[in-house]
Every structure is written in structure tokens, then in C-alpha cells.
Amino acid sequence: MLYTRGVNTPNTLESLEPCSKQYSLKADLKLNTWLAVATVVALVSQYLLRLNPFWSSPLRAAVALAPVAPGLLYVRSWFRFVRGLDELQRRIQQEAMLFAAVGTVVIGAVINVLDTNGIAVPGLRHGLELGGTFYAMGGLWLVGTAIANCRYK
């Protein structure tokens, strides 16, 4: 287990909550470094694409998809962290992520159906896009975590 604090000590979500007694900057940085890298790469790629609208299509596609690689590495680090949680917290996180993933697919499908039928959704002319997908999943993950925590109390 990559993120465990001791040999037999499971990971805890409290180790990622600033101002909690169990907060660990080391665990937080191990988990969230790839998220920070993906965010910076996404901002830089958006800036470069706006600055250079006449680049070739393959180059524009490569720059636009550049944040996907560090994003996938973040997902890998999150899965490793969840694998180190105790059984109940692991189940809660898996249910919350499933809720977030399915909810994001439903939101994307609804936006697509509305757009196909000529009903414009303000600010979502091209669907959720990459950033909107992560925002939707993050928000739905918070809701899913709250629901799952209430179920298992």
C-alpha cells in the first residue's frame, strides 16, 4: 500500500482534511500532486490554444488532450489511496465515485439531448467539456459521499 502511514495502519480521509488532528501534508501532497499538475497543464493548454488558433489540427488535438495524462495519473493515485482505506471507508468512496460517474454521464446525456433538439443550455454549447466534467464529478462525489456516510452511520 503506497499511502499507508504505518505497516498495519489504514489510510484515513482525515489525513487529507486540513485542520484535523490527523492531517498529513505528506499524504495530501502524494495524493494531490498529479491533480495540481493536471490543472496547470489544462490552464497552459487553454492559453496556448487561444493564443495560436491557426495551429494544425493534430497539434491542437495534442495540446488540448495534454491534461488527460496527468489526470489519469491522479486517478491512479486516488485509487491507490482508496485501496489503503479500511473496508467501510473504501465502500463509501466506491459508492460515491459510482454515483458521481453515473450522474456525470446522465448530465452529459441530458445536455446532449437538449442541444440536439435545439434547446441551448447557456454556457454549455459544447457539452460539459473537460473542466465541466471534473466539476460535475467533484460536486456529485461530495453529494455521494454525504449520502453514503448517512447510510452507514
Protein backbone atom coordinates (compact mmCIF):
# COMPACT_ATOMS: atom_id res chain seq x y z
CA MET A 1 0.00 0.00 0.00
CA LEU A 2 1.65 3.17 -1.19
CA TYR A 3 -0.05 5.67 1.09
CA THR A 4 -0.24 3.88 4.42
CA ARG A 5 1.25 5.69 7.39
CA GLY A 6 2.42 2.52 9.11
CA VAL A 7 2.72 -1.12 8.31
CA ASN A 8 -0.77 -2.07 9.50
CA THR A 9 -2.34 1.38 9.71
CA PRO A 10 -5.01 2.00 7.08
CA ASN A 11 -5.34 5.32 5.29
CA THR A 12 -7.91 7.75 6.65
CA LEU A 13 -9.77 10.55 4.94
CA GLU A 14 -9.00 12.70 7.98
CA SER A 15 -5.33 12.62 6.95
CA LEU A 16 -6.38 14.74 3.94
CA GLU A 17 -8.56 17.24 5.83
CA PRO A 18 -6.63 20.39 6.74
CA CYS A 19 -7.07 21.47 10.38
CA SER A 20 -7.93 17.92 11.50
CA LYS A 21 -5.78 16.28 14.15
CA GLN A 22 -4.73 13.53 11.75
CA TYR A 23 -3.86 15.82 8.80
CA SER A 24 -0.73 14.77 6.94
CA LEU A 25 0.80 17.19 4.46
CA LYS A 26 2.88 14.33 3.04
CA ALA A 27 -0.20 12.18 2.34
CA ASP A 28 -2.05 15.19 0.91
CA LEU A 29 0.82 16.04 -1.43
CA LYS A 30 1.26 12.40 -2.52
CA LEU A 31 -2.40 12.20 -3.43
CA ASN A 32 -3.00 15.63 -4.97
CA THR A 33 0.25 16.47 -6.78
CA TRP A 34 -1.00 14.99 -10.07
CA LEU A 35 -4.24 16.95 -9.72
CA ALA A 36 -2.24 20.17 -9.42
CA VAL A 37 -0.12 19.20 -12.44
CA ALA A 38 -3.24 18.39 -14.48
CA THR A 39 -4.76 21.75 -13.55
CA VAL A 40 -1.64 23.69 -14.56
CA VAL A 41 -1.34 21.73 -17.82
CA ALA A 42 -5.04 22.39 -18.58
CA LEU A 43 -4.65 26.14 -17.97
CA VAL A 44 -1.49 26.32 -20.09
CA SER A 45 -3.05 24.30 -22.92
CA GLN A 46 -6.16 26.53 -22.96
CA TYR A 47 -3.92 29.60 -23.06
CA LEU A 48 -1.82 28.16 -25.90
CA LEU A 49 -4.89 27.19 -27.91
CA ARG A 50 -6.37 30.69 -27.57
CA LEU A 51 -3.03 32.26 -28.46
CA ASN A 52 -2.48 30.07 -31.55
CA PRO A 53 -5.80 29.47 -33.33
CA PHE A 54 -4.10 28.59 -36.64
CA TRP A 55 -2.11 25.57 -35.45
CA SER A 56 -2.71 22.34 -37.35
CA SER A 57 -5.50 20.07 -36.16
CA PRO A 58 -3.19 17.29 -34.88
CA LEU A 59 -1.14 19.80 -32.89
CA ARG A 60 -4.27 21.44 -31.46
CA ALA A 61 -5.62 18.00 -30.51
CA ALA A 62 -2.35 17.05 -28.78
CA VAL A 63 -2.30 20.31 -26.81
CA ALA A 64 -5.99 20.03 -25.93
CA LEU A 65 -5.54 16.43 -24.69
CA ALA A 66 -2.34 17.14 -22.75
CA PRO A 67 -4.15 17.38 -19.36
CA VAL A 68 -5.52 13.85 -19.76
CA ALA A 69 -2.19 12.13 -18.94
CA PRO A 70 -1.66 13.81 -15.54
CA GLY A 71 -5.39 13.45 -14.92
CA LEU A 72 -5.12 9.69 -15.34
CA LEU A 73 -2.12 9.64 -13.01
CA TYR A 74 -4.24 11.48 -10.43
CA VAL A 75 -6.98 8.87 -10.81
CA ARG A 76 -4.35 6.17 -10.26
CA SER A 77 -3.10 7.85 -7.08
CA TRP A 78 -6.71 8.21 -5.83
CA PHE A 79 -7.37 4.51 -6.45
CA ARG A 80 -4.20 3.62 -4.56
CA PHE A 81 -5.26 5.80 -1.66
CA VAL A 82 -8.77 4.28 -1.59
CA ARG A 83 -7.26 0.79 -1.71
CA GLY A 84 -5.48 1.63 1.57
CA LEU A 85 -8.67 2.72 3.36
CA ASP A 86 -10.49 0.46 5.80
CA GLU A 87 -13.32 -1.63 4.37
CA LEU A 88 -16.17 0.71 5.30
CA GLN A 89 -14.49 3.86 4.00
CA ARG A 90 -13.47 2.00 0.84
CA ARG A 91 -17.08 1.02 0.22
CA ILE A 92 -18.28 4.57 0.91
CA GLN A 93 -15.76 6.02 -1.55
CA GLN A 94 -16.55 3.44 -4.22
CA GLU A 95 -20.27 4.16 -3.94
CA ALA A 96 -19.64 7.91 -4.02
CA MET A 97 -17.46 7.60 -7.15
CA LEU A 98 -20.01 5.37 -8.86
CA PHE A 99 -22.73 7.91 -8.04
CA ALA A 100 -20.53 10.72 -9.41
CA ALA A 101 -19.62 8.85 -12.60
CA VAL A 102 -23.19 7.81 -13.42
CA GLY A 103 -24.51 11.26 -12.51
CA THR A 104 -21.96 12.93 -14.79
CA VAL A 105 -22.93 10.62 -17.67
CA VAL A 106 -26.61 11.46 -17.11
CA ILE A 107 -25.89 15.21 -17.01
CA GLY A 108 -23.81 14.92 -20.21
CA ALA A 109 -26.58 12.93 -21.93
CA VAL A 110 -29.25 15.45 -20.91
CA ILE A 111 -27.16 18.35 -22.22
CA ASN A 112 -26.57 16.44 -25.48
CA VAL A 113 -30.30 15.67 -25.93
CA LEU A 114 -31.24 19.29 -25.27
CA ASP A 115 -28.59 20.53 -27.70
CA THR A 116 -29.67 18.03 -30.38
CA ASN A 117 -33.25 19.27 -30.12
CA GLY A 118 -32.26 22.91 -30.47
CA ILE A 119 -32.57 23.88 -26.80
CA ALA A 120 -29.45 25.83 -25.95
CA VAL A 121 -28.08 25.41 -22.44
CA PRO A 122 -26.35 28.70 -21.52
CA GLY A 123 -22.60 28.24 -21.16
CA LEU A 124 -22.70 24.60 -22.27
CA ARG A 125 -22.87 24.96 -26.03
CA HIS A 126 -20.31 22.19 -26.50
CA GLY A 127 -21.40 19.98 -23.59
CA LEU A 128 -19.60 19.77 -20.28
CA GLU A 129 -16.12 19.79 -21.82
CA LEU A 130 -13.15 18.59 -19.78
CA GLY A 131 -13.29 21.11 -16.94
CA GLY A 132 -17.06 20.88 -16.57
CA THR A 133 -16.83 17.10 -16.41
CA PHE A 134 -14.40 17.29 -13.50
CA TYR A 135 -16.52 19.94 -11.76
CA ALA A 136 -19.66 17.82 -12.15
CA MET A 137 -17.91 14.69 -10.93
CA GLY A 138 -16.36 16.53 -7.98
CA GLY A 139 -19.66 18.03 -6.92
CA LEU A 140 -21.51 14.75 -7.33
CA TRP A 141 -18.74 12.94 -5.44
CA LEU A 142 -19.31 15.29 -2.48
CA VAL A 143 -23.05 14.60 -2.62
CA GLY A 144 -22.44 10.85 -2.99
CA THR A 145 -20.04 10.85 -0.04
CA ALA A 146 -22.58 12.66 2.13
CA ILE A 147 -25.34 10.22 1.13
CA ALA A 148 -23.14 7.15 1.71
CA ASN A 149 -21.94 8.48 5.08
CA CYS A 150 -25.56 8.94 6.16
CA ARG A 151 -26.41 5.39 5.02
CA TYR A 152 -23.60 3.77 7.00
CA LYS A 153 -23.91 5.68 10.30
